[in-house]
Amino acid sequence: MSLFVSNISYYKKDKQLILTQITDNQFLIEGEFNKVKIGGENEYSISYMDFECGPFIHIGKDFLGRGRVTNIDLIDQDNPNYIIVKVKLDNE
């Protein structure tokens, strides 16, 4: 059984972010980016991420009509221009 459900791309100039739904309440956002704003209470807690080419994700806010964001995890990468983010939702 494949966990892959959907795949959406966001384009900006020569950069592309790919949004993949991995479970009913989890998404991965990954790809190269020109600019991203990250905010939180401290360096270990992310409350929002604003990608230059979209999407904007914020704890407690709706995510593409799929549910409210409950957690944002930035997955470390060796390449500083490539990002992988896991977004968890409360979609009940």
PDB file of N, CA and C in Angstrom:
ATOM      1  N   MET A   1       0.834  -1.178   0.000  1.00  0.00           N
ATOM      2  CA  MET A   1       0.000   0.000   0.000  1.00  0.00           C
ATOM      3  C   MET A   1       0.879   1.241   0.000  1.00  0.00           C
ATOM      4  N   SER A   2       0.645   2.125  -0.912  1.00  0.00           N
ATOM      5  CA  SER A   2       1.410   3.355  -1.017  1.00  0.00           C
ATOM      6  C   SER A   2       0.806   4.435  -0.132  1.00  0.00           C
ATOM      7  N   LEU A   3       1.668   5.203   0.533  1.00  0.00           N
ATOM      8  CA  LEU A   3       1.200   6.320   1.346  1.00  0.00           C
ATOM      9  C   LEU A   3       1.030   7.580   0.520  1.00  0.00           C
ATOM     10  N   PHE A   4       1.545   7.558  -0.709  1.00  0.00           N
ATOM     11  CA  PHE A   4       1.453   8.734  -1.563  1.00  0.00           C
ATOM     12  C   PHE A   4       0.005   8.984  -1.961  1.00  0.00           C
ATOM     13  N   VAL A   5      -0.488  10.177  -1.671  1.00  0.00           N
ATOM     14  CA  VAL A   5      -1.869  10.510  -1.998  1.00  0.00           C
ATOM     15  C   VAL A   5      -1.932  11.614  -3.034  1.00  0.00           C
ATOM     16  N   SER A   6      -1.194  12.677  -2.816  1.00  0.00           N
ATOM     17  CA  SER A   6      -1.251  13.783  -3.772  1.00  0.00           C
ATOM     18  C   SER A   6       0.081  14.501  -3.824  1.00  0.00           C
ATOM     19  N   ASN A   7       0.267  15.263  -4.860  1.00  0.00           N
ATOM     20  CA  ASN A   7       1.524  15.956  -5.088  1.00  0.00           C
ATOM     21  C   ASN A   7       1.208  17.281  -5.770  1.00  0.00           C
ATOM     22  N   ILE A   8       1.576  18.386  -5.138  1.00  0.00           N
ATOM     23  CA  ILE A   8       1.306  19.723  -5.666  1.00  0.00           C
ATOM     24  C   ILE A   8       2.630  20.464  -5.744  1.00  0.00           C
ATOM     25  N   SER A   9       2.865  21.196  -6.808  1.00  0.00           N
ATOM     26  CA  SER A   9       4.099  21.964  -6.953  1.00  0.00           C
ATOM     27  C   SER A   9       3.818  23.457  -6.874  1.00  0.00           C
ATOM     28  N   TYR A  10       4.720  24.178  -6.232  1.00  0.00           N
ATOM     29  CA  TYR A  10       4.681  25.634  -6.177  1.00  0.00           C
ATOM     30  C   TYR A  10       5.921  26.137  -6.911  1.00  0.00           C
ATOM     31  N   TYR A  11       5.742  27.001  -7.883  1.00  0.00           N
ATOM     32  CA  TYR A  11       6.863  27.503  -8.674  1.00  0.00           C
ATOM     33  C   TYR A  11       7.133  28.970  -8.363  1.00  0.00           C
ATOM     34  N   LYS A  12       8.392  29.348  -8.343  1.00  0.00           N
ATOM     35  CA  LYS A  12       8.795  30.743  -8.224  1.00  0.00           C
ATOM     36  C   LYS A  12      10.121  30.869  -8.946  1.00  0.00           C
ATOM     37  N   LYS A  13      10.128  31.644  -9.998  1.00  0.00           N
ATOM     38  CA  LYS A  13      11.328  31.806 -10.810  1.00  0.00           C
ATOM     39  C   LYS A  13      11.813  30.428 -11.241  1.00  0.00           C
ATOM     40  N   ASP A  14      13.024  30.050 -10.833  1.00  0.00           N
ATOM     41  CA  ASP A  14      13.571  28.753 -11.228  1.00  0.00           C
ATOM     42  C   ASP A  14      13.519  27.736 -10.088  1.00  0.00           C
ATOM     43  N   LYS A  15      12.742  28.014  -9.053  1.00  0.00           N
ATOM     44  CA  LYS A  15      12.665  27.126  -7.892  1.00  0.00           C
ATOM     45  C   LYS A  15      11.321  26.406  -7.859  1.00  0.00           C
ATOM     46  N   GLN A  16      11.295  25.236  -7.247  1.00  0.00           N
ATOM     47  CA  GLN A  16      10.073  24.452  -7.145  1.00  0.00           C
ATOM     48  C   GLN A  16      10.012  23.795  -5.774  1.00  0.00           C
ATOM     49  N   LEU A  17       8.858  23.913  -5.104  1.00  0.00           N
ATOM     50  CA  LEU A  17       8.589  23.180  -3.875  1.00  0.00           C
ATOM     51  C   LEU A  17       7.534  22.130  -4.185  1.00  0.00           C
ATOM     52  N   ILE A  18       7.723  20.943  -3.666  1.00  0.00           N
ATOM     53  CA  ILE A  18       6.771  19.859  -3.889  1.00  0.00           C
ATOM     54  C   ILE A  18       6.084  19.537  -2.570  1.00  0.00           C
ATOM     55  N   LEU A  19       4.777  19.496  -2.602  1.00  0.00           N
ATOM     56  CA  LEU A  19       3.957  19.185  -1.436  1.00  0.00           C
ATOM     57  C   LEU A  19       3.402  17.781  -1.620  1.00  0.00           C
ATOM     58  N   THR A  20       3.739  16.873  -0.697  1.00  0.00           N
ATOM     59  CA  THR A  20       3.309  15.485  -0.791  1.00  0.00           C
ATOM     60  C   THR A  20       2.543  15.103   0.464  1.00  0.00           C
ATOM     61  N   GLN A  21       1.345  14.570   0.293  1.00  0.00           N
ATOM     62  CA  GLN A  21       0.568  14.075   1.425  1.00  0.00           C
ATOM     63  C   GLN A  21       1.021  12.655   1.705  1.00  0.00           C
ATOM     64  N   ILE A  22       1.534  12.387   2.935  1.00  0.00           N
ATOM     65  CA  ILE A  22       2.059  11.060   3.251  1.00  0.00           C
ATOM     66  C   ILE A  22       1.097  10.230   4.103  1.00  0.00           C
ATOM     67  N   THR A  23       0.215  10.872   4.853  1.00  0.00           N
ATOM     68  CA  THR A  23      -0.872  10.200   5.577  1.00  0.00           C
ATOM     69  C   THR A  23      -2.061  11.153   5.557  1.00  0.00           C
ATOM     70  N   ASP A  24      -3.159  10.750   6.199  1.00  0.00           N
ATOM     71  CA  ASP A  24      -4.334  11.626   6.249  1.00  0.00           C
ATOM     72  C   ASP A  24      -4.033  12.965   6.907  1.00  0.00           C
ATOM     73  N   ASN A  25      -3.078  12.978   7.851  1.00  0.00           N
ATOM     74  CA  ASN A  25      -2.816  14.219   8.575  1.00  0.00           C
ATOM     75  C   ASN A  25      -1.351  14.659   8.543  1.00  0.00           C
ATOM     76  N   GLN A  26      -0.567  14.182   7.575  1.00  0.00           N
ATOM     77  CA  GLN A  26       0.828  14.600   7.467  1.00  0.00           C
ATOM     78  C   GLN A  26       1.202  14.896   6.020  1.00  0.00           C
ATOM     79  N   PHE A  27       1.939  16.001   5.856  1.00  0.00           N
ATOM     80  CA  PHE A  27       2.435  16.424   4.552  1.00  0.00           C
ATOM     81  C   PHE A  27       3.929  16.677   4.642  1.00  0.00           C
ATOM     82  N   LEU A  28       4.620  16.495   3.529  1.00  0.00           N
ATOM     83  CA  LEU A  28       6.007  16.928   3.387  1.00  0.00           C
ATOM     84  C   LEU A  28       6.045  18.049   2.370  1.00  0.00           C
ATOM     85  N   ILE A  29       6.814  19.086   2.681  1.00  0.00           N
ATOM     86  CA  ILE A  29       7.093  20.161   1.733  1.00  0.00           C
ATOM     87  C   ILE A  29       8.596  20.112   1.513  1.00  0.00           C
ATOM     88  N   GLU A  30       9.018  19.978   0.263  1.00  0.00           N
ATOM     89  CA  GLU A  30      10.454  19.896   0.012  1.00  0.00           C
ATOM     90  C   GLU A  30      10.821  20.520  -1.319  1.00  0.00           C
ATOM     91  N   GLY A  31      12.067  20.953  -1.397  1.00  0.00           N
ATOM     92  CA  GLY A  31      12.587  21.500  -2.634  1.00  0.00           C
ATOM     93  C   GLY A  31      13.541  22.648  -2.392  1.00  0.00           C
ATOM     94  N   GLU A  32      14.005  23.224  -3.498  1.00  0.00           N
ATOM     95  CA  GLU A  32      14.885  24.386  -3.431  1.00  0.00           C
ATOM     96  C   GLU A  32      14.044  25.629  -3.203  1.00  0.00           C
ATOM     97  N   PHE A  33      14.641  26.618  -2.579  1.00  0.00           N
ATOM     98  CA  PHE A  33      13.904  27.846  -2.313  1.00  0.00           C
ATOM     99  C   PHE A  33      14.833  29.043  -2.424  1.00  0.00           C
ATOM    100  N   ASN A  34      14.252  30.187  -2.742  1.00  0.00           N
ATOM    101  CA  ASN A  34      15.001  31.437  -2.752  1.00  0.00           C
ATOM    102  C   ASN A  34      14.997  32.072  -1.371  1.00  0.00           C
ATOM    103  N   LYS A  35      13.833  32.005  -0.698  1.00  0.00           N
ATOM    104  CA  LYS A  35      13.695  32.683   0.582  1.00  0.00           C
ATOM    105  C   LYS A  35      12.581  32.026   1.379  1.00  0.00           C
ATOM    106  N   VAL A  36      12.796  31.851   2.678  1.00  0.00           N
ATOM    107  CA  VAL A  36      11.751  31.348   3.570  1.00  0.00           C
ATOM    108  C   VAL A  36      11.893  32.070   4.908  1.00  0.00           C
ATOM    109  N   LYS A  37      10.771  32.505   5.471  1.00  0.00           N
ATOM    110  CA  LYS A  37      10.757  33.120   6.799  1.00  0.00           C
ATOM    111  C   LYS A  37      10.259  32.075   7.782  1.00  0.00           C
ATOM    112  N   ILE A  38      10.980  31.919   8.897  1.00  0.00           N
ATOM    113  CA  ILE A  38      10.613  30.954   9.923  1.00  0.00           C
ATOM    114  C   ILE A  38      10.500  31.696  11.243  1.00  0.00           C
ATOM    115  N   GLY A  39       9.401  31.474  11.964  1.00  0.00           N
ATOM    116  CA  GLY A  39       9.211  32.131  13.251  1.00  0.00           C
ATOM    117  C   GLY A  39       8.793  31.138  14.313  1.00  0.00           C
ATOM    118  N   GLY A  40       9.153  31.451  15.562  1.00  0.00           N
ATOM    119  CA  GLY A  40       8.778  30.581  16.663  1.00  0.00           C
ATOM    120  C   GLY A  40       9.182  31.173  17.991  1.00  0.00           C
ATOM    121  N   GLU A  41       8.828  30.475  19.054  1.00  0.00           N
ATOM    122  CA  GLU A  41       9.127  30.932  20.408  1.00  0.00           C
ATOM    123  C   GLU A  41      10.616  30.802  20.721  1.00  0.00           C
ATOM    124  N   ASN A  42      11.272  29.792  20.141  1.00  0.00           N
ATOM    125  CA  ASN A  42      12.706  29.604  20.314  1.00  0.00           C
ATOM    126  C   ASN A  42      13.228  28.824  19.107  1.00  0.00           C
ATOM    127  N   GLU A  43      14.499  28.494  19.119  1.00  0.00           N
ATOM    128  CA  GLU A  43      15.085  27.834  17.947  1.00  0.00           C
ATOM    129  C   GLU A  43      14.598  26.404  17.741  1.00  0.00           C
ATOM    130  N   TYR A  44      13.916  25.835  18.735  1.00  0.00           N
ATOM    131  CA  TYR A  44      13.436  24.460  18.629  1.00  0.00           C
ATOM    132  C   TYR A  44      11.943  24.362  18.359  1.00  0.00           C
ATOM    133  N   SER A  45      11.240  25.478  18.387  1.00  0.00           N
ATOM    134  CA  SER A  45       9.786  25.480  18.225  1.00  0.00           C
ATOM    135  C   SER A  45       9.400  26.390  17.067  1.00  0.00           C
ATOM    136  N   ILE A  46       8.898  25.814  15.984  1.00  0.00           N
ATOM    137  CA  ILE A  46       8.490  26.599  14.818  1.00  0.00           C
ATOM    138  C   ILE A  46       6.991  26.830  14.888  1.00  0.00           C
ATOM    139  N   SER A  47       6.575  28.100  14.818  1.00  0.00           N
ATOM    140  CA  SER A  47       5.136  28.393  14.835  1.00  0.00           C
ATOM    141  C   SER A  47       4.624  28.765  13.448  1.00  0.00           C
ATOM    142  N   TYR A  48       5.522  29.216  12.553  1.00  0.00           N
ATOM    143  CA  TYR A  48       5.090  29.475  11.175  1.00  0.00           C
ATOM    144  C   TYR A  48       6.264  29.395  10.219  1.00  0.00           C
ATOM    145  N   MET A  49       5.943  29.130   8.954  1.00  0.00           N
ATOM    146  CA  MET A  49       6.910  29.190   7.863  1.00  0.00           C
ATOM    147  C   MET A  49       6.225  29.874   6.693  1.00  0.00           C
ATOM    148  N   ASP A  50       6.915  30.833   6.105  1.00  0.00           N
ATOM    149  CA  ASP A  50       6.380  31.583   4.975  1.00  0.00           C
ATOM    150  C   ASP A  50       7.360  31.455   3.815  1.00  0.00           C
ATOM    151  N   PHE A  51       7.014  30.605   2.856  1.00  0.00           N
ATOM    152  CA  PHE A  51       7.854  30.417   1.678  1.00  0.00           C
ATOM    153  C   PHE A  51       7.566  31.522   0.679  1.00  0.00           C
ATOM    154  N   GLU A  52       8.597  32.024   0.023  1.00  0.00           N
ATOM    155  CA  GLU A  52       8.446  33.095  -0.963  1.00  0.00           C
ATOM    156  C   GLU A  52       7.435  32.721  -2.047  1.00  0.00           C
ATOM    157  N   CYS A  53       7.405  31.451  -2.432  1.00  0.00           N
ATOM    158  CA  CYS A  53       6.518  31.021  -3.512  1.00  0.00           C
ATOM    159  C   CYS A  53       5.265  30.320  -2.988  1.00  0.00           C
ATOM    160  N   GLY A  54       5.022  30.348  -1.668  1.00  0.00           N
ATOM    161  CA  GLY A  54       3.890  29.666  -1.052  1.00  0.00           C
ATOM    162  C   GLY A  54       4.282  28.242  -0.735  1.00  0.00           C
ATOM    163  N   PRO A  55       3.618  27.585   0.127  1.00  0.00           N
ATOM    164  CA  PRO A  55       2.488  28.039   0.925  1.00  0.00           C
ATOM    165  C   PRO A  55       2.936  28.706   2.225  1.00  0.00           C
ATOM    166  N   PHE A  56       2.017  29.393   2.891  1.00  0.00           N
ATOM    167  CA  PHE A  56       2.235  29.935   4.234  1.00  0.00           C
ATOM    168  C   PHE A  56       1.621  28.933   5.212  1.00  0.00           C
ATOM    169  N   ILE A  57       2.401  28.473   6.172  1.00  0.00           N
ATOM    170  CA  ILE A  57       1.874  27.525   7.154  1.00  0.00           C
ATOM    171  C   ILE A  57       2.055  28.093   8.554  1.00  0.00           C
ATOM    172  N   HIS A  58       1.038  27.932   9.404  1.00  0.00           N
ATOM    173  CA  HIS A  58       1.042  28.518  10.741  1.00  0.00           C
ATOM    174  C   HIS A  58       0.309  27.576  11.690  1.00  0.00           C
ATOM    175  N   ILE A  59       0.882  27.343  12.870  1.00  0.00           N
ATOM    176  CA  ILE A  59       0.244  26.499  13.879  1.00  0.00           C
ATOM    177  C   ILE A  59      -1.149  27.051  14.183  1.00  0.00           C
ATOM    178  N   GLY A  60      -2.154  26.182  14.184  1.00  0.00           N
ATOM    179  CA  GLY A  60      -3.523  26.567  14.508  1.00  0.00           C
ATOM    180  C   GLY A  60      -4.338  27.077  13.336  1.00  0.00           C
ATOM    181  N   LYS A  61      -3.697  27.285  12.188  1.00  0.00           N
ATOM    182  CA  LYS A  61      -4.405  27.787  11.002  1.00  0.00           C
ATOM    183  C   LYS A  61      -4.688  26.646  10.026  1.00  0.00           C
ATOM    184  N   ASP A  62      -5.668  26.865   9.159  1.00  0.00           N
ATOM    185  CA  ASP A  62      -6.039  25.876   8.152  1.00  0.00           C
ATOM    186  C   ASP A  62      -4.917  25.694   7.130  1.00  0.00           C
ATOM    187  N   PHE A  63      -4.743  24.467   6.669  1.00  0.00           N
ATOM    188  CA  PHE A  63      -3.725  24.141   5.673  1.00  0.00           C
ATOM    189  C   PHE A  63      -4.409  23.547   4.449  1.00  0.00           C
ATOM    190  N   LEU A  64      -4.607  24.361   3.441  1.00  0.00           N
ATOM    191  CA  LEU A  64      -5.163  23.938   2.161  1.00  0.00           C
ATOM    192  C   LEU A  64      -6.513  23.226   2.295  1.00  0.00           C
ATOM    193  N   GLY A  65      -7.299  23.613   3.296  1.00  0.00           N
ATOM    194  CA  GLY A  65      -8.605  23.011   3.496  1.00  0.00           C
ATOM    195  C   GLY A  65      -8.567  21.587   4.030  1.00  0.00           C
ATOM    196  N   ARG A  66      -7.396  21.137   4.483  1.00  0.00           N
ATOM    197  CA  ARG A  66      -7.236  19.752   4.953  1.00  0.00           C
ATOM    198  C   ARG A  66      -7.282  19.617   6.468  1.00  0.00           C
ATOM    199  N   GLY A  67      -7.222  20.724   7.212  1.00  0.00           N
ATOM    200  CA  GLY A  67      -7.218  20.681   8.671  1.00  0.00           C
ATOM    201  C   GLY A  67      -6.312  21.754   9.242  1.00  0.00           C
ATOM    202  N   ARG A  68      -6.343  21.868  10.577  1.00  0.00           N
ATOM    203  CA  ARG A  68      -5.504  22.860  11.259  1.00  0.00           C
ATOM    204  C   ARG A  68      -4.102  22.296  11.482  1.00  0.00           C
ATOM    205  N   VAL A  69      -3.104  23.141  11.331  1.00  0.00           N
ATOM    206  CA  VAL A  69      -1.711  22.751  11.551  1.00  0.00           C
ATOM    207  C   VAL A  69      -1.474  22.588  13.052  1.00  0.00           C
ATOM    208  N   THR A  70      -0.956  21.436  13.454  1.00  0.00           N
ATOM    209  CA  THR A  70      -0.638  21.194  14.862  1.00  0.00           C
ATOM    210  C   THR A  70       0.861  21.144  15.122  1.00  0.00           C
ATOM    211  N   ASN A  71       1.659  20.867  14.083  1.00  0.00           N
ATOM    212  CA  ASN A  71       3.100  20.768  14.283  1.00  0.00           C
ATOM    213  C   ASN A  71       3.827  21.020  12.968  1.00  0.00           C
ATOM    214  N   ILE A  72       4.956  21.724  13.056  1.00  0.00           N
ATOM    215  CA  ILE A  72       5.819  21.983  11.903  1.00  0.00           C
ATOM    216  C   ILE A  72       7.220  21.530  12.289  1.00  0.00           C
ATOM    217  N   ASP A  73       7.767  20.565  11.559  1.00  0.00           N
ATOM    218  CA  ASP A  73       9.116  20.059  11.829  1.00  0.00           C
ATOM    219  C   ASP A  73      10.018  20.345  10.645  1.00  0.00           C
ATOM    220  N   LEU A  74      11.106  21.051  10.888  1.00  0.00           N
ATOM    221  CA  LEU A  74      12.118  21.301   9.868  1.00  0.00           C
ATOM    222  C   LEU A  74      13.127  20.166   9.937  1.00  0.00           C
ATOM    223  N   ILE A  75      13.268  19.430   8.850  1.00  0.00           N
ATOM    224  CA  ILE A  75      14.198  18.307   8.804  1.00  0.00           C
ATOM    225  C   ILE A  75      15.523  18.830   8.261  1.00  0.00           C
ATOM    226  N   ASP A  76      16.586  18.683   9.045  1.00  0.00           N
ATOM    227  CA  ASP A  76      17.895  19.220   8.661  1.00  0.00           C
ATOM    228  C   ASP A  76      18.398  18.596   7.369  1.00  0.00           C
ATOM    229  N   GLN A  77      19.049  19.419   6.570  1.00  0.00           N
ATOM    230  CA  GLN A  77      19.626  18.977   5.307  1.00  0.00           C
ATOM    231  C   GLN A  77      21.039  19.520   5.184  1.00  0.00           C
ATOM    232  N   ASP A  78      21.870  18.822   4.436  1.00  0.00           N
ATOM    233  CA  ASP A  78      23.235  19.279   4.207  1.00  0.00           C
ATOM    234  C   ASP A  78      23.281  20.468   3.258  1.00  0.00           C
ATOM    235  N   ASN A  79      22.328  20.540   2.341  1.00  0.00           N
ATOM    236  CA  ASN A  79      22.286  21.621   1.358  1.00  0.00           C
ATOM    237  C   ASN A  79      21.494  22.795   1.930  1.00  0.00           C
ATOM    238  N   PRO A  80      22.110  23.966   2.111  1.00  0.00           N
ATOM    239  CA  PRO A  80      21.397  25.098   2.715  1.00  0.00           C
ATOM    240  C   PRO A  80      20.301  25.695   1.829  1.00  0.00           C
ATOM    241  N   ASN A  81      20.260  25.342   0.545  1.00  0.00           N
ATOM    242  CA  ASN A  81      19.231  25.868  -0.355  1.00  0.00           C
ATOM    243  C   ASN A  81      18.118  24.869  -0.629  1.00  0.00           C
ATOM    244  N   TYR A  82      18.127  23.747   0.087  1.00  0.00           N
ATOM    245  CA  TYR A  82      17.103  22.715  -0.084  1.00  0.00           C
ATOM    246  C   TYR A  82      16.464  22.474   1.275  1.00  0.00           C
ATOM    247  N   ILE A  83      15.148  22.351   1.294  1.00  0.00           N
ATOM    248  CA  ILE A  83      14.443  22.239   2.564  1.00  0.00           C
ATOM    249  C   ILE A  83      13.459  21.077   2.530  1.00  0.00           C
ATOM    250  N   ILE A  84      13.318  20.421   3.680  1.00  0.00           N
ATOM    251  CA  ILE A  84      12.273  19.416   3.864  1.00  0.00           C
ATOM    252  C   ILE A  84      11.565  19.751   5.170  1.00  0.00           C
ATOM    253  N   VAL A  85      10.246  19.897   5.096  1.00  0.00           N
ATOM    254  CA  VAL A  85       9.435  20.256   6.255  1.00  0.00           C
ATOM    255  C   VAL A  85       8.297  19.252   6.380  1.00  0.00           C
ATOM    256  N   LYS A  86       8.077  18.742   7.591  1.00  0.00           N
ATOM    257  CA  LYS A  86       6.925  17.866   7.845  1.00  0.00           C
ATOM    258  C   LYS A  86       5.870  18.693   8.573  1.00  0.00           C
ATOM    259  N   VAL A  87       4.644  18.660   8.049  1.00  0.00           N
ATOM    260  CA  VAL A  87       3.521  19.392   8.630  1.00  0.00           C
ATOM    261  C   VAL A  87       2.486  18.375   9.097  1.00  0.00           C
ATOM    262  N   LYS A  88       2.114  18.473  10.382  1.00  0.00           N
ATOM    263  CA  LYS A  88       1.076  17.591  10.931  1.00  0.00           C
ATOM    264  C   LYS A  88      -0.194  18.398  11.144  1.00  0.00           C
ATOM    265  N   LEU A  89      -1.340  17.758  10.871  1.00  0.00           N
ATOM    266  CA  LEU A  89      -2.637  18.429  10.949  1.00  0.00           C
ATOM    267  C   LEU A  89      -3.568  17.725  11.923  1.00  0.00           C
ATOM    268  N   ASP A  90      -4.521  18.499  12.426  1.00  0.00           N
ATOM    269  CA  ASP A  90      -5.651  17.953  13.177  1.00  0.00           C
ATOM    270  C   ASP A  90      -6.834  18.053  12.233  1.00  0.00           C
ATOM    271  N   ASN A  91      -7.143  16.962  11.557  1.00  0.00           N
ATOM    272  CA  ASN A  91      -8.191  17.025  10.536  1.00  0.00           C
ATOM    273  C   ASN A  91      -9.460  16.296  10.954  1.00  0.00           C
ATOM    274  N   GLU A  92      -9.700  16.229  12.252  1.00  0.00           N
ATOM    275  CA  GLU A  92     -10.939  15.592  12.733  1.00  0.00           C
ATOM    276  C   GLU A  92     -12.015  16.622  12.974  1.00  0.00           C
TER     277      GLU A  92
END
